Protein backbone atom coordinates (compact mmCIF):
# COMPACT_ATOMS: atom_id res chain seq x y z
CA MET A 1 136.78 84.05 143.59
CA SER A 2 136.13 85.57 140.07
CA GLN A 3 136.53 83.37 137.01
CA PHE A 4 139.86 82.09 136.81
CA GLY A 5 142.46 84.70 134.96
CA THR A 6 140.20 87.47 135.30
CA VAL A 7 141.85 89.24 138.25
CA PHE A 8 145.84 90.38 138.43
CA CYS A 9 147.89 91.74 141.45
CA ASP A 10 148.92 95.34 141.34
CA ALA A 11 152.44 94.73 140.41
CA ILE A 12 154.32 92.92 137.41
CA ALA A 13 158.09 92.04 136.75
CA VAL A 14 159.49 93.26 133.39
CA ALA A 15 162.70 93.19 131.55
CA HIS A 16 163.81 94.32 128.07
CA TYR A 17 166.15 92.97 125.61
CA ARG A 18 167.49 95.50 123.18
CA ASP A 19 170.99 96.01 121.66
CA GLY A 20 171.70 92.44 122.03
CA ALA A 21 171.42 91.88 125.89
CA TRP A 22 168.69 91.73 128.63
CA GLN A 23 168.17 94.95 130.60
CA GLU A 24 168.18 95.06 134.57
CA PRO A 25 164.77 93.60 135.28
CA ALA A 26 162.66 95.69 137.21
CA ILE A 27 159.10 95.48 139.36
CA GLU A 28 156.53 97.89 137.82
CA ALA A 29 152.76 99.23 138.33
CA LEU A 30 150.28 96.74 136.39
CA ALA A 31 149.88 99.00 133.03
CA PRO A 32 149.12 98.04 129.90
CA LEU A 33 152.21 97.80 127.35
CA GLN A 34 152.91 100.32 125.04
CA LEU A 35 153.67 98.85 121.51
CA HIS A 36 154.45 99.90 118.08
CA PRO A 37 152.12 98.71 115.51
CA ALA A 38 154.62 97.14 113.83
CA ALA A 39 155.96 95.39 116.56
CA HIS A 40 156.75 91.50 115.40
CA VAL A 41 154.56 89.84 117.85
CA LEU A 42 151.59 91.57 116.41
CA HIS A 43 152.37 90.27 112.99
CA TYR A 44 154.35 87.65 113.09
CA SER A 45 153.32 85.74 116.20
CA SER A 46 156.52 85.25 118.09
CA THR A 47 155.14 85.07 121.83
CA CYS A 48 155.38 82.17 124.40
CA PHE A 49 154.67 81.76 127.98
CA GLU A 50 154.56 80.00 130.74
CA GLY A 51 151.48 78.86 133.64
CA PHE A 52 152.46 77.73 137.15
CA LYS A 53 151.24 78.53 140.80
CA ALA A 54 152.80 79.56 144.31
CA TYR A 55 150.87 78.59 147.17
CA ARG A 56 150.72 80.13 150.77
CA TRP A 57 151.61 77.81 153.26
CA ALA A 58 150.13 78.03 157.22
CA ASP A 59 153.86 79.75 157.79
CA GLY A 60 153.11 82.72 155.80
CA LYS A 61 155.58 81.84 153.00
CA ALA A 62 154.80 80.74 149.61
CA ARG A 63 155.96 77.69 147.66
CA ILE A 64 156.63 77.72 144.03
CA PHE A 65 155.86 74.55 142.12
CA ARG A 66 158.62 73.10 139.71
CA LEU A 67 159.70 76.63 138.99
CA ASP A 68 163.39 75.63 137.54
CA ASP A 69 161.00 73.02 134.91
CA HIS A 70 159.10 76.08 133.64
CA VAL A 71 161.96 78.53 133.17
CA ALA A 72 164.01 75.60 131.66
CA ARG A 73 160.82 74.81 128.90
CA MET A 74 160.37 78.70 128.41
CA GLN A 75 163.86 78.58 127.30
CA LYS A 76 163.05 76.02 124.63
CA SER A 77 160.46 77.94 123.47
CA ALA A 78 161.91 81.31 123.32
CA ALA A 79 164.69 79.24 120.98
CA SER A 80 162.49 77.21 118.96
CA LEU A 81 160.71 80.54 117.78
CA VAL A 82 163.97 82.23 117.50
CA LEU A 83 163.25 84.91 120.14
CA PRO A 84 165.78 86.11 122.49
CA ILE A 85 166.41 83.37 125.27
CA PRO A 86 165.94 84.85 128.45
CA ASP A 87 168.96 84.39 131.19
CA ALA A 88 167.82 81.52 133.46
CA GLN A 89 168.54 83.00 136.64
CA MET A 90 167.22 86.16 135.61
CA LEU A 91 163.84 84.93 134.69
CA ARG A 92 163.77 83.00 137.84
CA GLY A 93 164.67 85.81 139.92
CA MET A 94 162.05 88.31 138.31
CA VAL A 95 159.55 85.27 139.40
CA LEU A 96 160.82 84.83 142.93
CA ASP A 97 160.66 89.02 143.42
CA ILE A 98 157.42 89.11 141.54
CA VAL A 99 155.59 86.49 144.21
CA ALA A 100 158.07 87.91 147.45
CA HIS A 101 156.11 91.35 146.31
CA ASN A 102 152.65 89.95 146.20
CA ILE A 103 152.87 87.30 149.14
CA ASP A 104 150.07 88.69 150.98
CA GLU A 105 147.71 88.46 147.84
CA ILE A 106 148.01 84.71 147.82
CA PRO A 107 144.88 83.04 148.85
CA ALA A 108 144.94 80.18 151.13
CA PRO A 109 144.99 76.70 149.97
CA PRO A 110 142.95 75.27 147.88
CA SER A 111 143.24 78.37 146.35
CA SER A 112 146.63 79.75 144.64
CA LEU A 113 149.06 82.54 142.76
CA TYR A 114 148.76 81.97 139.08
CA LEU A 115 152.23 82.55 137.72
CA ARG A 116 152.53 84.01 133.54
CA PRO A 117 155.44 84.39 132.31
CA THR A 118 155.63 85.72 128.92
CA LEU A 119 157.70 86.63 126.06
CA ILE A 120 157.43 89.17 123.11
CA GLY A 121 158.99 89.91 119.78
CA THR A 122 159.16 93.81 119.74
CA LEU A 123 160.80 94.84 116.74
CA PRO A 124 158.95 97.29 115.02
CA ASN A 125 159.53 96.03 111.30
CA ILE A 126 156.70 94.47 109.41
CA GLY A 127 159.19 93.66 106.58
CA ALA A 128 160.76 91.16 109.26
CA ALA A 129 158.06 87.71 107.97
CA ALA A 130 161.29 85.87 107.56
CA ALA A 131 163.58 87.29 110.21
CA PRO A 132 163.47 87.33 113.95
CA SER A 133 163.07 89.68 116.50
CA THR A 134 165.97 91.41 117.95
CA GLU A 135 164.55 93.26 120.30
CA ALA A 136 161.90 91.60 122.83
CA THR A 137 160.26 92.26 126.21
CA LEU A 138 159.57 89.28 129.32
CA PHE A 139 157.39 90.17 131.84
CA VAL A 140 155.65 88.04 134.55
CA LEU A 141 151.65 88.37 135.68
CA THR A 142 150.24 87.02 138.44
CA SER A 143 146.63 86.63 139.29
CA PRO A 144 145.19 85.12 142.38
CA VAL A 145 142.91 82.18 141.52
CA GLY A 146 140.45 79.95 143.35
CA ASP A 147 139.95 75.82 143.58
CA TYR A 148 139.41 75.10 139.78
CA PHE A 149 137.06 72.03 141.32
CA THR A 150 134.88 74.04 143.07
CA GLY A 151 131.71 71.88 143.90
CA GLY A 152 133.66 68.76 142.68
CA ALA A 153 135.38 67.16 139.69
CA ARG A 154 132.96 67.54 137.09
CA PRO A 155 133.67 64.58 134.84
CA LEU A 156 134.56 66.17 131.09
CA LYS A 157 133.41 64.91 127.61
CA LEU A 158 135.60 65.15 124.65
CA LEU A 159 135.07 64.83 121.07
CA VAL A 160 137.76 62.52 119.51
CA GLU A 161 139.15 64.01 116.18
CA ASP A 162 141.25 61.39 114.56
CA GLU A 163 142.32 63.38 111.21
CA LYS A 164 143.31 67.64 112.26
CA ALA A 165 145.82 68.26 114.67
CA ARG A 166 146.06 70.69 117.42
CA SER A 167 149.42 71.84 116.36
CA THR A 168 152.26 71.17 113.52
CA GLU A 169 154.84 68.50 114.37
CA GLN A 170 158.22 71.04 114.81
CA LEU A 171 155.68 73.66 116.99
CA GLY A 172 153.47 71.51 119.15
CA SER A 173 156.11 71.12 122.36
CA THR A 174 156.53 75.01 122.05
CA LYS A 175 153.82 76.74 124.02
CA THR A 176 153.04 79.69 122.07
CA GLY A 177 149.69 81.18 121.63
CA GLY A 178 149.37 80.36 118.22
CA ASN A 179 148.84 76.74 119.07
CA TYR A 180 145.98 77.60 121.74
CA ALA A 181 144.43 80.36 118.91
CA GLY A 182 144.54 76.98 116.03
CA ALA A 183 142.52 74.79 118.47
CA LEU A 184 139.90 77.23 119.55
CA GLY A 185 137.86 77.23 116.05
CA PRO A 186 137.82 73.31 116.40
CA THR A 187 136.95 72.98 119.87
CA LEU A 188 134.16 75.87 119.90
CA ALA A 189 132.51 74.08 116.33
CA ALA A 190 132.76 70.48 118.52
CA LYS A 191 131.15 72.11 121.48
CA ALA A 192 128.38 73.81 119.63
CA GLU A 193 127.50 70.41 117.65
CA TYR A 194 128.05 68.06 120.22
CA GLY A 195 128.11 69.62 123.58
CA VAL A 196 131.54 68.90 124.16
CA ASP A 197 133.80 70.30 126.77
CA GLN A 198 137.18 69.74 124.67
CA VAL A 199 138.67 67.65 121.40
CA LEU A 200 140.99 65.06 121.57
CA PHE A 201 143.37 65.61 118.84
CA CYS A 202 144.30 62.38 117.28
CA PRO A 203 145.81 62.75 113.71
CA ASN A 204 146.00 59.52 111.89
CA GLY A 205 144.64 58.23 114.74
CA ASP A 206 147.25 58.63 116.92
CA VAL A 207 146.17 60.09 120.34
CA GLN A 208 147.41 63.26 121.28
CA GLU A 209 146.17 66.02 123.44
CA THR A 210 143.76 68.42 123.90
CA GLY A 211 143.79 72.20 123.19
CA ALA A 212 145.26 73.06 126.77
CA ALA A 213 145.73 69.69 128.15
CA ASN A 214 147.64 66.60 128.07
CA PHE A 215 145.58 62.82 127.88
CA LEU A 216 146.19 60.08 130.25
CA LEU A 217 144.62 56.46 130.43
CA ILE A 218 144.75 55.32 134.07
CA SER A 219 143.70 51.94 135.28
CA ASP A 220 144.28 50.23 139.35
CA ASP A 221 147.75 49.85 138.11
CA GLU A 222 149.08 51.56 135.00
CA ILE A 223 148.93 54.85 133.29
CA ILE A 224 149.37 55.00 129.80
CA THR A 225 150.26 57.81 128.10
CA LYS A 226 151.94 59.67 124.74
CA PRO A 227 155.85 59.41 124.43
CA LEU A 228 157.26 62.92 124.65
CA ASP A 229 158.13 64.16 121.23
CA THR A 230 157.63 67.74 119.35
CA SER A 231 154.09 67.22 118.18
CA PHE A 232 152.29 68.24 121.27
CA LEU A 233 153.33 70.24 124.71
CA HIS A 234 155.76 68.28 127.54
CA GLY A 235 153.21 69.39 130.23
CA ILE A 236 154.91 69.86 133.71
CA THR A 237 151.87 68.71 135.14
CA ARG A 238 152.05 65.22 133.04
CA ALA A 239 155.74 64.97 134.30
CA SER A 240 154.64 65.59 138.01
CA ILE A 241 151.88 63.08 137.72
CA LEU A 242 153.84 60.14 135.98
CA THR A 243 156.61 60.62 138.91
CA LEU A 244 154.11 60.27 141.70
CA ALA A 245 151.83 57.48 139.86
CA ALA A 246 155.43 55.72 139.58
CA ASP A 247 155.73 56.22 143.52
CA LEU A 248 152.52 54.90 144.26
CA GLY A 249 153.57 51.62 142.17
CA TYR A 250 151.66 52.40 138.60
CA THR A 251 153.05 51.02 135.59
CA VAL A 252 154.34 53.79 133.79
CA SER A 253 153.75 53.12 129.88
CA GLU A 254 154.55 56.03 127.70
CA ARG A 255 153.85 54.81 124.12
CA ASN A 256 152.04 55.85 121.17
CA PHE A 257 148.37 54.25 121.23
CA THR A 258 145.71 54.73 118.48
CA VAL A 259 141.93 55.49 118.64
CA ASP A 260 140.95 52.05 118.19
CA GLU A 261 143.17 50.89 121.08
CA LEU A 262 141.48 54.17 123.36
CA LEU A 263 137.89 53.24 122.26
CA GLN A 264 138.71 49.39 123.19
CA SER A 265 140.07 50.60 126.55
CA VAL A 266 137.60 52.94 128.17
CA GLY A 267 135.53 50.16 129.61
CA GLN A 268 138.07 49.51 132.58
CA TYR A 269 140.38 52.48 131.92
CA GLU A 270 139.88 55.94 133.69
CA ALA A 271 140.56 58.79 130.90
CA ALA A 272 141.80 62.53 132.64
CA LEU A 273 143.75 65.41 131.36
CA SER A 274 146.14 67.00 133.27
CA GLY A 275 147.18 70.52 133.00
CA THR A 276 148.26 73.70 135.63
CA ALA A 277 145.14 75.02 136.18
CA ALA A 278 142.97 71.80 136.99
CA SER A 279 145.87 69.00 137.67
CA LEU A 280 144.12 66.46 136.64
CA ALA A 281 140.46 65.98 135.32
CA PRO A 282 138.18 63.52 134.77
CA VAL A 283 136.91 62.27 131.41
CA GLY A 284 133.44 60.79 131.47
CA SER A 285 132.77 60.29 127.90
CA LEU A 286 134.18 60.40 124.23
CA VAL A 287 132.53 60.83 121.53
CA TYR A 288 133.48 59.83 118.44
CA LYS A 289 131.55 59.73 114.89
CA GLY A 290 128.86 60.98 116.21
CA LYS A 291 128.58 58.18 119.32
CA GLU A 292 128.60 59.09 122.71
CA LEU A 293 131.22 56.70 124.53
CA ALA A 294 131.43 56.22 128.25
CA VAL A 295 134.33 56.03 129.90
CA ARG A 296 134.10 53.16 132.84
CA ASP A 297 130.73 54.26 134.67
CA GLY A 298 130.95 58.15 133.13
CA GLN A 299 131.85 59.12 136.69
CA PRO A 300 135.16 60.44 138.01
CA GLY A 301 137.35 57.90 139.00
CA PRO A 302 139.55 56.59 142.39
CA ASN A 303 142.53 56.71 140.45
CA ALA A 304 142.91 59.86 139.02
CA ALA A 305 141.04 61.11 142.27
CA ARG A 306 144.14 59.44 144.29
CA LEU A 307 146.68 60.90 141.35
CA ARG A 308 145.39 63.93 142.45
CA GLU A 309 145.41 64.40 145.55
CA ALA A 310 148.86 63.06 146.01
CA LEU A 311 150.16 66.35 143.84
CA HIS A 312 147.68 68.68 145.68
CA SER A 313 149.44 67.27 148.94
CA ILE A 314 152.66 68.49 147.92
CA HIS A 315 151.12 71.39 146.68
CA TYR A 316 149.57 72.27 150.06
CA GLY A 317 152.49 71.02 152.19
CA ASP A 318 151.04 68.21 153.46
CA ALA A 319 153.32 65.23 152.44
CA PRO A 320 156.85 65.54 151.97
CA ASP A 321 158.45 67.09 148.90
CA THR A 322 160.52 64.35 147.79
CA HIS A 323 161.66 65.15 144.98
CA GLY A 324 162.85 68.96 145.63
CA TRP A 325 159.58 70.29 143.38
CA LEU A 326 159.15 73.40 145.53
CA THR A 327 161.05 76.85 145.83
CA GLU A 328 160.49 78.80 148.92
CA VAL A 329 159.25 82.15 148.82
CA GLY A 330 159.29 84.86 152.11
């Protein structure tokens, strides 16, 4: 399997917003988009997206994981950027149609079909810095992807950044490209200086998230993670892990915690990053003020592995979907 996100199916679902209304969606051949050089998105970053997966089971049908939750989050992102908000049933139908169209391209588990709905402002007006885009394009890309942990889950190394924030208070919960671009510079600088994989952003000592994943502390009986607010992304994988943890008897503690508490806890607690690509990735060490600190014994922990397996068992049909998270296609 090629590098994650670099191979695409040959069709795309597309819809346009013009004259105050969404036009009928269509499935088209994958091709470069035609954009006016003055398109709002190119100058004022009016864009948001989602990322989730469809899995093909032995019966030949596909199951999309938490489709409606991703649709709802995209609507919230669009609203926060004052973009035309996609109709929920329209976007849902676009995803179902493109998955059905590409169902034969979905690799067998643990591989999957990665889904990337994207919304961009297309109004050709470079004078609209203080005005929303009244035209938009919505499309759904599909990409066959392999198992993120081929060869086993490698423990990650994180730099603890206790001053800078990943995003802004008003846009942290919006899934927009600017948040990822903003985190890229500090992340690359940290990789070059400390050899870390990611930066854990903890502005003013408040433990939040990395550039592309939520952060959790996990013990044998408890999960600790920051409570939802607008400063960081409300991850669907995060929400799924917390629900499954409660099902398995863990105490779920959604509360604020500081860098000091984090550093005191990693001798006993596992640490992990949650996100669509990796589900739950183990953290083996933290770097803070130039010193490296092991998380427990520095190896992937049993609790994160247990929770990841519980999630994957639902993805692949090896465990019942008691929460109604799967949408069948085919």
